[in-house]
N, C-alpha and C. Protein backbone atom coordinates (compact mmCIF):
# COMPACT_ATOMS: atom_id res chain seq x y z
N UNK A 1 0.30 3.28 13.30
CA UNK A 1 1.28 3.78 12.52
C UNK A 1 2.63 3.34 13.05
N UNK A 2 3.47 2.88 12.09
CA UNK A 2 4.74 2.37 12.43
C UNK A 2 5.78 3.05 11.50
N UNK A 3 6.85 3.55 12.19
CA UNK A 3 8.00 4.17 11.33
C UNK A 3 9.16 3.49 11.85
N UNK A 4 10.08 3.23 10.87
CA UNK A 4 11.43 2.79 11.24
C UNK A 4 12.43 3.06 10.08
N UNK A 5 13.72 2.99 10.40
CA UNK A 5 14.72 3.29 9.57
C UNK A 5 15.75 2.19 9.49
N UNK A 6 16.47 1.98 8.49
CA UNK A 6 17.46 0.96 8.48
C UNK A 6 18.62 1.40 7.59
N UNK A 7 19.79 1.36 8.12
CA UNK A 7 21.01 1.80 7.42
C UNK A 7 21.25 0.88 6.23
N UNK A 8 21.81 1.34 5.25
CA UNK A 8 22.21 0.51 4.01
C UNK A 8 20.99 -0.27 3.41
N UNK A 9 19.88 0.47 3.38
CA UNK A 9 18.69 -0.12 2.92
C UNK A 9 18.02 0.95 1.91
N UNK A 10 17.50 0.51 0.78
CA UNK A 10 16.68 1.25 -0.07
C UNK A 10 15.28 1.04 0.05
N UNK A 11 14.45 1.62 -0.65
CA UNK A 11 13.00 1.51 -0.50
C UNK A 11 12.53 0.16 -0.79
N UNK A 12 13.10 -0.55 -1.71
CA UNK A 12 12.88 -1.95 -1.95
C UNK A 12 13.10 -2.96 -0.73
N UNK A 13 14.24 -2.68 -0.09
CA UNK A 13 14.52 -3.35 1.19
C UNK A 13 13.47 -3.19 2.18
N UNK A 14 13.10 -1.93 2.38
CA UNK A 14 12.01 -1.43 3.28
C UNK A 14 10.66 -2.16 2.90
N UNK A 15 10.38 -2.17 1.71
CA UNK A 15 9.18 -2.88 1.27
C UNK A 15 9.18 -4.33 1.63
N UNK A 16 10.27 -5.05 1.48
CA UNK A 16 10.36 -6.45 1.77
C UNK A 16 10.27 -6.57 3.28
N UNK A 17 10.83 -5.55 4.11
CA UNK A 17 10.62 -5.61 5.59
C UNK A 17 9.18 -5.58 5.93
N UNK A 18 8.52 -4.67 5.25
CA UNK A 18 7.09 -4.50 5.46
C UNK A 18 6.34 -5.62 5.17
N UNK A 19 6.50 -6.27 4.06
CA UNK A 19 5.82 -7.55 3.66
C UNK A 19 6.00 -8.63 4.74
N UNK A 20 7.31 -8.70 5.18
CA UNK A 20 7.61 -9.74 6.21
C UNK A 20 6.97 -9.55 7.45
N UNK A 21 6.93 -8.26 7.76
CA UNK A 21 6.16 -7.86 9.15
C UNK A 21 4.70 -8.28 9.03
N UNK A 22 4.01 -7.83 7.89
CA UNK A 22 2.65 -8.19 7.77
C UNK A 22 2.39 -9.72 7.81
N UNK A 23 3.23 -10.40 7.00
CA UNK A 23 3.11 -11.94 7.04
C UNK A 23 3.29 -12.47 8.38
N UNK A 24 4.37 -12.13 9.11
CA UNK A 24 4.68 -12.59 10.43
C UNK A 24 3.55 -12.31 11.38
N UNK A 25 2.98 -11.13 11.27
CA UNK A 25 1.90 -10.72 12.23
C UNK A 25 0.61 -11.47 11.97
N UNK A 26 0.33 -11.71 10.76
CA UNK A 26 -0.79 -12.51 10.26
C UNK A 26 -0.63 -13.92 10.82
N UNK A 27 0.58 -14.52 10.67
CA UNK A 27 0.73 -15.90 11.04
C UNK A 27 0.59 -15.96 12.58
N UNK A 28 1.09 -15.05 13.31
CA UNK A 28 1.05 -15.12 14.74
C UNK A 28 -0.38 -15.00 15.21
N UNK A 29 -1.13 -14.19 14.60
CA UNK A 29 -2.56 -13.90 15.02
C UNK A 29 -3.51 -15.13 14.58
N UNK A 30 -3.34 -15.42 13.36
CA UNK A 30 -4.36 -16.48 12.87
C UNK A 30 -3.71 -17.68 12.50
N UNK A 31 -2.53 -17.93 12.54
CA UNK A 31 -1.75 -19.22 12.06
C UNK A 31 -1.63 -19.37 10.60
N UNK A 32 -1.98 -18.33 9.89
CA UNK A 32 -1.98 -18.40 8.32
C UNK A 32 -1.44 -16.97 7.86
N UNK A 33 -1.10 -16.89 6.55
CA UNK A 33 -0.75 -15.63 6.06
C UNK A 33 -1.95 -15.00 5.36
N UNK A 34 -3.15 -15.46 5.64
CA UNK A 34 -4.33 -14.94 5.08
C UNK A 34 -5.10 -14.05 6.04
N UNK A 35 -5.67 -12.96 5.58
CA UNK A 35 -6.39 -12.10 6.53
C UNK A 35 -7.73 -11.96 5.84
N UNK A 36 -8.64 -11.56 6.69
CA UNK A 36 -10.04 -11.06 6.20
C UNK A 36 -10.09 -9.57 6.45
N UNK A 37 -10.37 -8.87 5.41
CA UNK A 37 -10.44 -7.37 5.51
C UNK A 37 -11.76 -6.88 4.82
N UNK A 38 -12.65 -6.42 5.54
CA UNK A 38 -13.96 -5.84 5.07
C UNK A 38 -14.68 -6.88 4.11
N UNK A 39 -14.65 -8.07 4.53
CA UNK A 39 -15.30 -9.15 3.84
C UNK A 39 -14.50 -9.75 2.81
N UNK A 40 -13.33 -9.29 2.47
CA UNK A 40 -12.42 -9.78 1.38
C UNK A 40 -11.30 -10.72 2.05
N UNK A 41 -10.92 -11.76 1.39
CA UNK A 41 -9.73 -12.53 1.85
C UNK A 41 -8.55 -12.10 1.16
N UNK A 42 -7.56 -11.81 1.90
CA UNK A 42 -6.27 -11.29 1.33
C UNK A 42 -5.21 -12.29 1.75
N UNK A 43 -4.48 -12.77 0.73
CA UNK A 43 -3.39 -13.71 0.95
C UNK A 43 -2.13 -12.98 0.88
N UNK A 44 -1.39 -12.82 1.92
CA UNK A 44 -0.10 -12.06 2.10
C UNK A 44 1.06 -12.86 1.46
N UNK A 45 0.81 -13.99 1.22
CA UNK A 45 1.93 -14.78 0.52
C UNK A 45 1.85 -14.71 -1.06
N UNK A 46 0.74 -14.19 -1.57
CA UNK A 46 0.68 -13.98 -3.00
C UNK A 46 1.51 -12.71 -3.50
N UNK A 47 1.72 -12.66 -4.69
CA UNK A 47 2.44 -11.42 -5.23
C UNK A 47 1.78 -10.17 -4.77
N UNK A 48 2.45 -9.12 -4.38
CA UNK A 48 1.99 -7.89 -4.10
C UNK A 48 1.99 -6.90 -5.27
N UNK A 49 0.88 -6.29 -5.45
CA UNK A 49 0.84 -5.30 -6.55
C UNK A 49 1.67 -4.01 -6.15
N UNK A 50 2.48 -3.63 -7.05
CA UNK A 50 3.22 -2.28 -6.84
C UNK A 50 3.01 -1.27 -7.93
N UNK A 51 2.88 -0.05 -7.51
CA UNK A 51 2.58 0.96 -8.52
C UNK A 51 3.13 2.33 -8.05
N UNK A 52 3.65 2.99 -8.85
CA UNK A 52 4.23 4.33 -8.57
C UNK A 52 3.07 5.27 -8.04
N UNK A 53 3.52 6.36 -7.36
CA UNK A 53 2.65 7.40 -6.87
C UNK A 53 2.06 8.01 -8.22
N UNK A 54 2.88 8.26 -9.20
CA UNK A 54 2.29 8.91 -10.45
C UNK A 54 1.26 7.99 -11.07
N UNK A 55 1.57 6.62 -11.19
CA UNK A 55 0.47 5.75 -11.89
C UNK A 55 -0.85 5.73 -11.09
N UNK A 56 -0.76 5.67 -9.76
CA UNK A 56 -1.91 5.61 -8.97
C UNK A 56 -2.78 6.97 -9.14
N UNK A 57 -2.09 8.06 -9.03
CA UNK A 57 -2.86 9.47 -9.16
C UNK A 57 -3.31 9.47 -10.45
N UNK A 58 -2.57 9.11 -11.56
CA UNK A 58 -3.03 9.38 -12.85
C UNK A 58 -4.38 8.42 -13.07
N UNK A 59 -4.24 7.20 -12.62
CA UNK A 59 -5.29 6.34 -12.81
C UNK A 59 -6.64 6.75 -12.15
N UNK A 60 -6.50 7.08 -10.84
CA UNK A 60 -7.67 7.37 -9.95
C UNK A 60 -8.13 8.83 -9.83
N UNK A 61 -7.06 9.74 -10.11
CA UNK A 61 -7.42 11.22 -9.84
C UNK A 61 -7.24 12.01 -11.06
N UNK A 62 -6.59 11.51 -12.04
CA UNK A 62 -6.43 12.16 -13.38
C UNK A 62 -5.32 13.04 -13.55
N UNK A 63 -4.37 13.06 -12.62
CA UNK A 63 -3.25 14.04 -12.62
C UNK A 63 -2.01 13.34 -12.01
N UNK A 64 -0.82 13.98 -12.26
CA UNK A 64 0.43 13.44 -11.69
C UNK A 64 1.02 14.37 -10.76
N UNK A 65 0.95 14.09 -9.47
CA UNK A 65 1.59 14.91 -8.43
C UNK A 65 3.15 15.05 -8.51
N UNK A 66 3.75 14.12 -9.05
CA UNK A 66 5.14 14.13 -9.28
C UNK A 66 5.61 15.23 -10.28
N UNK A 67 4.75 15.41 -11.32
CA UNK A 67 5.05 16.37 -12.34
C UNK A 67 4.56 17.86 -11.89
N UNK A 68 3.49 17.92 -11.19
CA UNK A 68 2.96 19.21 -10.79
C UNK A 68 2.26 19.00 -9.52
N UNK A 69 3.11 19.16 -8.37
CA UNK A 69 2.54 18.98 -6.99
C UNK A 69 1.62 20.05 -6.62
N UNK A 70 0.43 19.69 -5.91
CA UNK A 70 -0.40 20.56 -5.29
C UNK A 70 -0.97 20.03 -4.07
N UNK A 71 -0.32 20.50 -2.95
CA UNK A 71 -0.52 19.82 -1.53
C UNK A 71 -1.97 19.63 -1.17
N UNK A 72 -2.75 20.68 -1.45
CA UNK A 72 -4.23 20.65 -1.05
C UNK A 72 -4.96 19.59 -1.88
N UNK A 73 -4.73 19.55 -3.10
CA UNK A 73 -5.40 18.60 -4.06
C UNK A 73 -4.85 17.25 -3.80
N UNK A 74 -3.55 17.16 -3.51
CA UNK A 74 -2.95 15.72 -3.26
C UNK A 74 -3.77 15.11 -2.09
N UNK A 75 -3.97 15.69 -0.96
CA UNK A 75 -4.65 15.10 0.17
C UNK A 75 -6.13 14.95 -0.03
N UNK A 76 -6.69 15.86 -0.71
CA UNK A 76 -8.13 15.78 -1.07
C UNK A 76 -8.47 14.59 -2.03
N UNK A 77 -7.66 14.47 -3.01
CA UNK A 77 -7.79 13.40 -4.02
C UNK A 77 -7.49 12.05 -3.38
N UNK A 78 -6.49 12.01 -2.51
CA UNK A 78 -6.20 10.85 -1.77
C UNK A 78 -7.38 10.18 -0.97
N UNK A 79 -7.99 11.18 -0.19
CA UNK A 79 -9.19 10.66 0.54
C UNK A 79 -10.41 10.47 -0.30
N UNK A 80 -10.67 11.32 -1.27
CA UNK A 80 -12.00 11.34 -2.04
C UNK A 80 -11.99 10.33 -3.08
N UNK A 81 -10.83 10.24 -3.77
CA UNK A 81 -10.79 9.60 -5.10
C UNK A 81 -9.98 8.25 -5.09
N UNK A 82 -8.88 8.36 -4.46
CA UNK A 82 -7.92 7.17 -4.59
C UNK A 82 -8.20 6.02 -3.61
N UNK A 83 -8.41 6.35 -2.19
CA UNK A 83 -8.58 5.30 -1.27
C UNK A 83 -9.80 4.63 -1.58
N UNK A 84 -10.97 5.32 -1.90
CA UNK A 84 -12.24 4.53 -2.06
C UNK A 84 -12.08 3.78 -3.41
N UNK A 85 -11.17 3.95 -4.38
CA UNK A 85 -11.17 3.22 -5.68
C UNK A 85 -10.14 2.12 -5.50
N UNK A 86 -9.41 2.05 -4.58
CA UNK A 86 -8.37 0.97 -4.54
C UNK A 86 -9.10 -0.42 -4.37
N UNK A 87 -8.64 -1.48 -4.88
CA UNK A 87 -9.11 -2.79 -4.78
C UNK A 87 -9.07 -3.23 -3.31
N UNK A 88 -10.09 -3.76 -2.78
CA UNK A 88 -10.06 -4.25 -1.29
C UNK A 88 -9.36 -5.46 -1.11
N UNK A 89 -9.26 -6.28 -2.06
CA UNK A 89 -8.77 -7.73 -1.99
C UNK A 89 -7.37 -7.81 -2.37
N UNK A 90 -6.67 -6.69 -2.57
CA UNK A 90 -5.30 -6.65 -2.93
C UNK A 90 -4.50 -5.61 -2.10
N UNK A 91 -3.22 -5.92 -1.87
CA UNK A 91 -2.43 -4.93 -1.26
C UNK A 91 -1.93 -3.99 -2.25
N UNK A 92 -2.40 -2.82 -2.25
CA UNK A 92 -2.00 -1.79 -3.23
C UNK A 92 -1.07 -0.72 -2.57
């Protein structure tokens, strides 16, 4: 886990920082921006899929935690429904 803060930055700036960090790390380790993850090839130079929390929860768990938050259900659905359903060959 890594956490950092940056002044005068919004979440989109932090997202770009994160993408750059992943690309740089992959490049340093393997000499390319491509990784192998659980048998899938992931190209970190390709477009990154972006979706809101609401969209992901509605799609995979059938409810919107932004509209009606339930802490117990949020964690349970994340582990049991959302994470197993996310595509393995895309950064979601």
